Amino acid sequence: MTRGRAIFAIVSILVIVAIASGTFARAVTREQAEEDSLYKSLSIFTEVLNLIRRAYVEETSVDLLFAGALDGTTDALDSMSTFVPSEEVERYRKAREIGIGHSGVSLVKERGIAYVLAVSPGSPGAASGLERGDAIAQINGRRTRRMPLWEIHTEFAGEPGTELTLEVIRRGQSEERSLTLAAFEPPAPALERQEDLPVLRLSRFEPRTLATVERLLADLAAEGADSLLLDLRGVAGGSSEAAYEVAELFVTGKLGGLISRSEILETFTGERPPVWQGTVVVLIDRATQGASEILAAILQQSGRAELVGEPSFGHAGRQTAVTLSTGGELFLTDAFYTGPDEAPIQTSLEPELRVSEASRNLSEAEIPLPDLILKRGLERLREAEPALKKVA
């Protein structure tokens, strides 16, 4: 890529971001100020680029520097956004269709660090020993620090049978892991008993999730049960629409919507009597993200449930692809989903009962944190206030 094309491409990206954020709809004086700021920033970028090329201790590649600049720009937006060059757009679109379907591993990149957000039970990622929070330092000998998010996702969406050699950093220690990609189906929602209390576990929100959850709740209600522990830990991504559908099994009335910076794009309402009217306690953790955050937010804000565990990830947004004049595409968040309070879910949901390493007592010192969250959730369900036991 020539220097002229590089500058042209970055101008295109910044202009698209400005359009998406609504700045072109503001007052003329504000537009002029932002335009001046834009050109000032581009001037600084060009100056730094030239200085690095002339003075850095090693010879540098303009393409490498430019790719790093774009990666840093999208990383500054959020951990889901990424820029894809024109020659890789088709490959990345195929990878997005596959998603976690060949690995079971949800990955994000923040401050230049790629790490595991969630691992689906029974997936190739789980079989390889990957855990939530693992930093992925290298993929097949390549450092992820220099790999944009789209490329990392593409590697994990490779053909079944592909083997990935990973360098994983866990609790400060480097480990090598081998992950063999394979097609798999996330586990269906399942109802089990823990200490004689019903626990409904979800692993993914898909169009078919509603029917399974509705059947399980109806069967539980028919048995005369009046309390439920809903486990949304480790549930990242998935269908936002499916989350609102499942919420309607618990809540009637206003559920939330999809909002951009300037308008409400869509609203969701529960229009039928709830299938489940008993007590609900919801377990969440740092890997509760996207669709699962929507459901947790609705239950919490409607007063139908208390949340127990860690604060959630804090991002339930809609991704859109903007095609640039170069043929590349910018994948960014153009709207956020909300609960009944209409506040965009772009910060962590805060549980009523936070469970952390600091919350342990002496008798719980040897209990793994996930087990401790479950223990506290079961305790909270047993002592739930009467006000939580029935729909108002």
Protein backbone atom coordinates (compact mmCIF):
# COMPACT_ATOMS: atom_id res chain seq x y z
CA MET A 1 0.00 0.00 0.00
CA THR A 2 1.42 3.41 -0.95
CA ARG A 3 1.63 6.28 1.47
CA GLY A 4 -1.01 8.20 -0.49
CA ARG A 5 -3.43 5.29 -0.36
CA ALA A 6 -2.76 4.85 3.35
CA ILE A 7 -3.58 8.47 4.13
CA PHE A 8 -6.65 8.32 1.87
CA ALA A 9 -7.90 5.20 3.63
CA ILE A 10 -7.52 6.62 7.11
CA VAL A 11 -9.31 9.80 6.05
CA SER A 12 -12.15 7.61 4.77
CA ILE A 13 -12.34 5.74 8.08
CA LEU A 14 -12.40 8.87 10.20
CA VAL A 15 -15.10 10.41 8.01
CA ILE A 16 -17.23 7.25 8.26
CA VAL A 17 -16.87 7.23 12.05
CA ALA A 18 -17.91 10.88 12.10
CA ILE A 19 -21.00 10.07 10.04
CA ALA A 20 -21.90 7.14 12.29
CA SER A 21 -21.64 9.28 15.41
CA GLY A 22 -23.95 11.91 13.96
CA THR A 23 -21.47 14.79 13.96
CA PHE A 24 -22.42 15.87 10.44
CA ALA A 25 -25.91 16.64 11.69
CA ARG A 26 -24.73 19.25 14.17
CA ALA A 27 -24.32 23.00 13.83
CA VAL A 28 -22.09 24.45 11.10
CA THR A 29 -19.73 26.01 13.62
CA ARG A 30 -19.33 22.69 15.38
CA GLU A 31 -18.71 20.98 12.04
CA GLN A 32 -15.97 23.47 11.22
CA ALA A 33 -14.30 22.97 14.60
CA GLU A 34 -14.37 19.20 14.20
CA GLU A 35 -13.07 19.44 10.63
CA ASP A 36 -10.15 21.54 11.86
CA SER A 37 -9.51 18.99 14.61
CA LEU A 38 -9.67 16.14 12.06
CA TYR A 39 -7.06 17.72 9.79
CA LYS A 40 -4.88 18.58 12.76
CA SER A 41 -5.00 14.94 13.88
CA LEU A 42 -4.18 13.74 10.36
CA SER A 43 -1.25 16.14 10.23
CA ILE A 44 0.10 14.76 13.51
CA PHE A 45 -0.40 11.19 12.27
CA THR A 46 1.52 11.90 9.07
CA GLU A 47 4.32 13.60 11.00
CA VAL A 48 4.66 10.65 13.41
CA LEU A 49 4.56 8.15 10.54
CA ASN A 50 7.36 9.94 8.68
CA LEU A 51 9.42 10.35 11.84
CA ILE A 52 9.18 6.62 12.61
CA ARG A 53 10.20 5.72 9.06
CA ARG A 54 13.27 7.97 9.26
CA ALA A 55 14.42 7.57 12.85
CA TYR A 56 13.26 4.23 14.29
CA VAL A 57 16.13 1.87 15.09
CA GLU A 58 14.92 -0.71 12.53
CA GLU A 59 13.49 -0.29 9.04
CA THR A 60 9.72 -0.28 9.25
CA SER A 61 6.90 -1.25 6.88
CA VAL A 62 4.31 1.40 6.09
CA ASP A 63 1.70 -1.35 5.67
CA LEU A 64 2.50 -2.73 9.12
CA LEU A 65 2.37 0.71 10.73
CA PHE A 66 -0.86 1.55 8.98
CA ALA A 67 -2.49 -1.75 9.97
CA GLY A 68 -1.47 -1.11 13.57
CA ALA A 69 -2.91 2.41 13.45
CA LEU A 70 -6.25 1.11 12.15
CA ASP A 71 -6.31 -1.64 14.75
CA GLY A 72 -5.67 0.92 17.47
CA THR A 73 -8.39 3.20 16.12
CA THR A 74 -11.08 0.50 16.25
CA ASP A 75 -9.79 -0.78 19.61
CA ALA A 76 -10.36 2.75 20.95
CA LEU A 77 -14.04 2.49 19.90
CA ASP A 78 -14.82 -0.80 21.69
CA SER A 79 -13.65 -4.40 21.89
CA MET A 80 -16.02 -5.53 19.12
CA SER A 81 -15.13 -3.12 16.30
CA THR A 82 -12.55 -3.85 13.60
CA PHE A 83 -11.33 -2.67 10.18
CA VAL A 84 -10.98 -5.28 7.42
CA PRO A 85 -8.89 -4.55 4.29
CA SER A 86 -10.60 -5.03 0.92
CA GLU A 87 -8.73 -8.21 0.01
CA GLU A 88 -9.87 -9.92 3.24
CA VAL A 89 -13.51 -8.81 3.40
CA GLU A 90 -14.96 -11.97 1.86
CA ARG A 91 -12.89 -14.24 4.10
CA TYR A 92 -13.93 -12.33 7.20
CA ARG A 93 -17.61 -12.37 6.25
CA LYS A 94 -17.44 -16.17 6.04
CA ALA A 95 -15.71 -16.24 9.43
CA ARG A 96 -18.51 -14.11 10.93
CA GLU A 97 -21.09 -16.59 9.61
CA ILE A 98 -19.25 -19.42 11.34
CA GLY A 99 -18.72 -17.38 14.50
CA ILE A 100 -17.75 -19.70 17.36
CA GLY A 101 -19.19 -22.70 15.51
CA HIS A 102 -15.79 -24.36 14.94
CA SER A 103 -14.09 -23.41 18.22
CA GLY A 104 -16.65 -22.53 20.88
CA VAL A 105 -14.36 -19.67 21.90
CA SER A 106 -15.54 -16.05 22.12
CA LEU A 107 -12.58 -13.69 21.73
CA VAL A 108 -12.18 -9.96 22.20
CA LYS A 109 -9.26 -7.57 22.05
CA GLU A 110 -8.75 -4.71 24.48
CA ARG A 111 -5.74 -2.41 24.73
CA GLY A 112 -3.94 -4.58 22.21
CA ILE A 113 -4.45 -7.80 24.21
CA ALA A 114 -6.48 -10.66 22.72
CA TYR A 115 -8.18 -12.79 25.35
CA VAL A 116 -10.86 -15.40 25.83
CA LEU A 117 -14.18 -13.93 26.87
CA ALA A 118 -16.08 -17.22 27.08
CA VAL A 119 -15.74 -20.91 26.21
CA SER A 120 -18.82 -22.94 25.30
CA PRO A 121 -19.19 -26.23 27.24
CA GLY A 122 -18.45 -29.31 25.15
CA SER A 123 -16.70 -27.30 22.45
CA PRO A 124 -13.24 -27.81 20.89
CA GLY A 125 -12.07 -24.82 22.93
CA ALA A 126 -13.19 -26.48 26.16
CA ALA A 127 -11.50 -29.74 25.12
CA SER A 128 -8.23 -27.85 24.57
CA GLY A 129 -8.34 -26.53 28.13
CA LEU A 130 -8.94 -22.87 27.29
CA GLU A 131 -10.57 -20.85 30.06
CA ARG A 132 -12.25 -17.50 30.37
CA GLY A 133 -9.65 -14.77 30.86
CA ASP A 134 -6.81 -16.58 29.06
CA ALA A 135 -4.71 -14.13 27.05
CA ILE A 136 -3.84 -15.45 23.59
CA ALA A 137 -0.26 -14.30 23.01
CA GLN A 138 0.46 -16.24 19.81
CA ILE A 139 -1.45 -18.19 17.17
CA ASN A 140 0.71 -20.59 15.14
CA GLY A 141 3.81 -18.61 16.06
CA ARG A 142 2.34 -15.20 15.20
CA ARG A 143 2.01 -12.62 17.95
CA THR A 144 -1.58 -11.47 18.37
CA ARG A 145 -0.40 -8.02 19.40
CA ARG A 146 0.16 -7.40 15.68
CA MET A 147 -2.97 -9.23 14.53
CA PRO A 148 -6.19 -7.20 14.17
CA LEU A 149 -9.35 -8.60 15.71
CA TRP A 150 -10.79 -9.70 12.35
CA GLU A 151 -7.75 -11.88 11.68
CA ILE A 152 -7.89 -13.52 15.10
CA HIS A 153 -11.58 -14.33 14.59
CA THR A 154 -10.80 -15.72 11.14
CA GLU A 155 -8.13 -18.05 12.51
CA PHE A 156 -10.59 -19.47 15.06
CA ALA A 157 -13.21 -19.95 12.33
CA GLY A 158 -10.97 -22.07 10.10
CA GLU A 159 -11.94 -25.33 8.44
CA PRO A 160 -12.78 -28.30 10.71
CA GLY A 161 -9.63 -30.33 11.32
CA THR A 162 -7.38 -27.26 11.36
CA GLU A 163 -5.01 -27.32 14.32
CA LEU A 164 -4.08 -24.07 16.06
CA THR A 165 -1.01 -23.93 18.26
CA LEU A 166 -1.59 -21.28 20.89
CA GLU A 167 0.60 -19.56 23.41
CA VAL A 168 -1.68 -18.79 26.33
CA ILE A 169 -0.92 -16.52 29.28
CA ARG A 170 -2.81 -17.61 32.38
CA ARG A 171 -2.21 -15.99 35.76
CA GLY A 172 1.10 -14.64 34.51
CA GLN A 173 2.37 -18.01 33.29
CA SER A 174 2.91 -18.97 29.64
CA GLU A 175 1.39 -22.27 28.43
CA GLU A 176 1.14 -23.93 25.03
CA ARG A 177 -2.24 -25.25 23.98
CA SER A 178 -3.32 -27.13 20.87
CA LEU A 179 -6.84 -26.44 19.56
CA THR A 180 -8.28 -28.62 16.78
CA LEU A 181 -11.23 -26.91 15.12
CA ALA A 182 -14.40 -28.94 14.64
CA ALA A 183 -18.06 -28.22 13.97
CA PHE A 184 -20.14 -28.43 17.13
CA GLU A 185 -23.53 -27.40 18.47
CA PRO A 186 -23.77 -25.41 21.71
CA PRO A 187 -25.66 -27.30 24.42
CA ALA A 188 -29.42 -26.73 24.51
CA PRO A 189 -30.94 -25.04 27.57
CA ALA A 190 -31.07 -27.55 30.40
CA LEU A 191 -32.85 -27.76 33.74
CA GLU A 192 -31.10 -29.51 36.62
CA ARG A 193 -31.26 -29.64 40.40
CA GLN A 194 -28.67 -28.18 42.76
CA GLU A 195 -29.31 -28.68 46.48
CA ASP A 196 -32.89 -29.55 45.52
CA LEU A 197 -33.38 -26.19 43.76
CA PRO A 198 -34.04 -25.90 40.01
CA VAL A 199 -31.24 -24.37 37.95
CA LEU A 200 -31.87 -23.39 34.32
CA ARG A 201 -28.60 -23.18 32.38
CA LEU A 202 -28.33 -21.38 29.05
CA SER A 203 -25.27 -21.52 26.80
CA ARG A 204 -26.44 -19.59 23.74
CA PHE A 205 -29.32 -17.44 22.50
CA GLU A 206 -30.63 -18.70 19.16
CA PRO A 207 -34.03 -18.63 17.44
CA ARG A 208 -34.78 -22.11 18.80
CA THR A 209 -33.91 -21.15 22.39
CA LEU A 210 -37.38 -19.77 23.10
CA ALA A 211 -39.28 -23.01 22.52
CA THR A 212 -36.93 -25.06 24.71
CA VAL A 213 -36.94 -22.57 27.59
CA GLU A 214 -40.72 -22.17 27.41
CA ARG A 215 -41.22 -25.93 27.64
CA LEU A 216 -38.83 -26.27 30.59
CA LEU A 217 -40.47 -23.41 32.50
CA ALA A 218 -43.97 -24.71 31.83
CA ASP A 219 -43.00 -28.17 33.09
CA LEU A 220 -41.39 -26.68 36.19
CA ALA A 221 -44.46 -24.55 36.95
CA ALA A 222 -46.71 -27.58 36.46
CA GLU A 223 -44.70 -29.40 39.14
CA GLY A 224 -45.63 -26.64 41.59
CA ALA A 225 -42.14 -25.12 41.84
CA ASP A 226 -42.02 -21.46 42.85
CA SER A 227 -38.28 -20.61 42.62
CA LEU A 228 -35.66 -20.71 39.88
CA LEU A 229 -31.95 -20.04 39.54
CA LEU A 230 -31.18 -18.79 36.00
CA ASP A 231 -27.52 -19.30 35.07
CA LEU A 232 -26.25 -16.84 32.43
CA ARG A 233 -22.56 -17.15 33.24
CA GLY A 234 -20.27 -17.56 30.27
CA VAL A 235 -23.00 -16.74 27.75
CA ALA A 236 -21.49 -14.33 25.23
CA GLY A 237 -22.92 -13.06 21.94
CA GLY A 238 -25.96 -14.72 20.41
CA SER A 239 -29.26 -13.38 19.07
CA SER A 240 -30.51 -10.24 20.78
CA GLU A 241 -34.02 -10.84 19.44
CA ALA A 242 -34.00 -14.28 21.08
CA ALA A 243 -33.12 -12.65 24.41
CA TYR A 244 -36.22 -10.42 24.24
CA GLU A 245 -38.35 -13.44 23.32
CA VAL A 246 -37.11 -15.36 26.36
CA ALA A 247 -37.67 -12.28 28.56
CA GLU A 248 -41.35 -12.36 27.58
CA LEU A 249 -41.65 -15.70 29.40
CA PHE A 250 -40.95 -13.79 32.65
CA VAL A 251 -42.14 -10.21 32.09
CA THR A 252 -45.22 -8.50 30.63
CA GLY A 253 -45.06 -4.96 29.30
CA LYS A 254 -42.10 -2.83 28.31
CA LEU A 255 -38.94 -4.85 27.75
CA GLY A 256 -36.57 -2.40 26.06
CA GLY A 257 -35.42 -1.34 22.64
CA LEU A 258 -32.63 -0.65 20.19
CA ILE A 259 -31.34 2.92 20.18
CA SER A 260 -28.81 4.85 18.13
CA ARG A 261 -27.30 8.15 19.15
CA SER A 262 -30.30 10.09 17.89
CA GLU A 263 -33.37 7.85 17.79
CA ILE A 264 -35.17 4.74 18.98
CA LEU A 265 -34.85 2.21 16.17
CA GLU A 266 -36.97 -0.59 17.62
CA THR A 267 -38.99 -1.39 20.73
CA PHE A 268 -39.74 -4.72 22.40
CA THR A 269 -42.83 -5.45 24.51
CA GLY A 270 -44.07 -8.50 26.38
CA GLU A 271 -47.68 -8.95 25.28
CA ARG A 272 -48.71 -12.25 26.85
CA PRO A 273 -48.99 -13.58 30.40
CA PRO A 274 -45.64 -14.83 31.73
CA VAL A 275 -45.03 -18.56 31.70
CA TRP A 276 -42.97 -18.30 34.90
CA GLN A 277 -44.28 -16.26 37.84
CA GLY A 278 -42.13 -17.55 40.69
CA THR A 279 -38.94 -16.23 42.27
CA VAL A 280 -35.94 -15.73 39.98
CA VAL A 281 -32.28 -15.25 40.90
CA VAL A 282 -29.86 -14.75 38.00
CA LEU A 283 -26.18 -15.70 37.99
CA ILE A 284 -23.86 -13.50 35.89
CA ASP A 285 -20.13 -13.05 35.46
CA ARG A 286 -17.62 -11.13 33.35
CA ALA A 287 -18.44 -13.37 30.36
CA THR A 288 -22.15 -12.51 30.47
CA GLN A 289 -22.26 -10.39 27.32
CA GLY A 290 -24.66 -9.34 24.58
CA ALA A 291 -27.96 -11.24 24.51
CA SER A 292 -27.51 -12.60 28.04
CA GLU A 293 -26.97 -9.04 29.33
CA ILE A 294 -30.23 -8.01 27.69
CA LEU A 295 -32.17 -10.74 29.50
CA ALA A 296 -30.41 -10.03 32.82
CA ALA A 297 -31.07 -6.29 32.49
CA ILE A 298 -34.78 -6.83 31.77
CA LEU A 299 -35.25 -9.13 34.74
CA GLN A 300 -33.33 -6.82 37.06
CA GLN A 301 -34.92 -3.54 35.94
CA SER A 302 -38.47 -4.93 35.94
CA GLY A 303 -38.02 -6.11 39.53
CA ARG A 304 -38.45 -9.73 38.54
CA ALA A 305 -35.04 -10.92 39.66
CA GLU A 306 -31.88 -10.16 41.58
CA LEU A 307 -28.46 -10.62 40.02
CA VAL A 308 -25.71 -12.55 41.84
CA GLY A 309 -22.08 -12.84 40.75
CA GLU A 310 -19.58 -10.58 39.00
CA PRO A 311 -20.37 -7.44 37.00
CA SER A 312 -21.18 -8.36 33.39
CA PHE A 313 -19.02 -7.51 30.35
CA GLY A 314 -20.98 -4.38 29.47
CA HIS A 315 -21.67 -4.48 25.73
CA ALA A 316 -24.98 -5.37 24.07
CA GLY A 317 -24.66 -3.59 20.75
CA ARG A 318 -25.60 -4.05 17.11
CA GLN A 319 -22.69 -4.41 14.70
CA THR A 320 -22.89 -2.96 11.20
CA ALA A 321 -20.46 -3.02 8.26
CA VAL A 322 -19.62 0.21 6.48
CA THR A 323 -18.00 -0.23 3.08
CA LEU A 324 -15.24 2.27 2.34
CA SER A 325 -14.25 3.65 -1.05
CA THR A 326 -11.13 1.44 -0.94
CA GLY A 327 -13.30 -1.70 -0.76
CA GLY A 328 -12.39 -2.33 2.85
CA GLU A 329 -15.05 -2.55 5.54
CA LEU A 330 -15.35 -1.01 8.96
CA PHE A 331 -17.34 -3.17 11.38
CA LEU A 332 -18.57 -0.99 14.23
CA THR A 333 -21.31 -0.66 16.81
CA ASP A 334 -24.03 1.63 15.46
CA ALA A 335 -26.70 1.07 18.15
CA PHE A 336 -27.17 -0.41 21.61
CA TYR A 337 -29.93 -2.54 23.10
CA THR A 338 -31.65 -1.51 26.32
CA GLY A 339 -33.73 -2.87 29.14
CA PRO A 340 -36.98 -1.25 30.36
CA ASP A 341 -35.06 1.79 31.67
CA GLU A 342 -34.06 2.68 28.06
CA ALA A 343 -30.39 3.13 29.05
CA PRO A 344 -28.01 1.60 26.47
CA ILE A 345 -26.27 -1.52 27.75
CA GLN A 346 -22.71 -0.32 27.21
CA THR A 347 -21.48 -0.58 30.78
CA SER A 348 -21.43 -3.56 33.13
CA LEU A 349 -24.60 -4.69 34.88
CA GLU A 350 -24.01 -4.49 38.62
CA PRO A 351 -25.32 -7.46 40.63
CA GLU A 352 -27.26 -6.86 43.84
CA LEU A 353 -24.99 -9.46 45.44
CA ARG A 354 -21.45 -9.18 44.12
CA VAL A 355 -19.28 -12.26 44.51
CA SER A 356 -15.51 -11.86 44.25
CA GLU A 357 -12.29 -13.14 45.76
CA ALA A 358 -12.59 -10.39 48.35
CA SER A 359 -16.08 -11.53 49.38
CA ARG A 360 -14.93 -14.94 50.64
CA ASN A 361 -15.05 -15.90 54.28
CA LEU A 362 -12.48 -18.21 55.87
CA SER A 363 -14.54 -21.36 55.33
CA GLU A 364 -14.74 -20.65 51.59
CA ALA A 365 -11.03 -20.23 50.94
CA GLU A 366 -10.73 -23.39 48.83
CA ILE A 367 -13.92 -22.96 46.79
CA PRO A 368 -13.31 -21.96 43.13
CA LEU A 369 -14.96 -18.65 42.29
CA PRO A 370 -17.53 -20.15 39.85
CA ASP A 371 -18.65 -22.60 42.54
CA LEU A 372 -18.81 -19.78 45.07
CA ILE A 373 -21.09 -17.76 42.76
CA LEU A 374 -23.39 -20.77 42.45
CA LYS A 375 -23.34 -21.28 46.24
CA ARG A 376 -24.28 -17.63 46.89
CA GLY A 377 -27.00 -17.76 44.25
CA LEU A 378 -28.60 -20.81 45.84
CA GLU A 379 -28.43 -19.16 49.26
CA ARG A 380 -30.05 -16.00 47.92
CA LEU A 381 -32.80 -18.01 46.26
CA ARG A 382 -33.64 -19.72 49.56
CA GLU A 383 -33.88 -16.44 51.43
CA ALA A 384 -35.53 -14.36 48.64
CA GLU A 385 -37.87 -11.63 49.75
CA PRO A 386 -41.58 -12.35 49.35
CA ALA A 387 -41.81 -9.41 46.94
CA LEU A 388 -39.73 -11.36 44.46
CA LYS A 389 -41.88 -14.46 44.58
CA LYS A 390 -44.73 -13.31 42.34
CA VAL A 391 -45.12 -10.95 39.43
CA ALA A 392 -46.41 -7.62 40.67
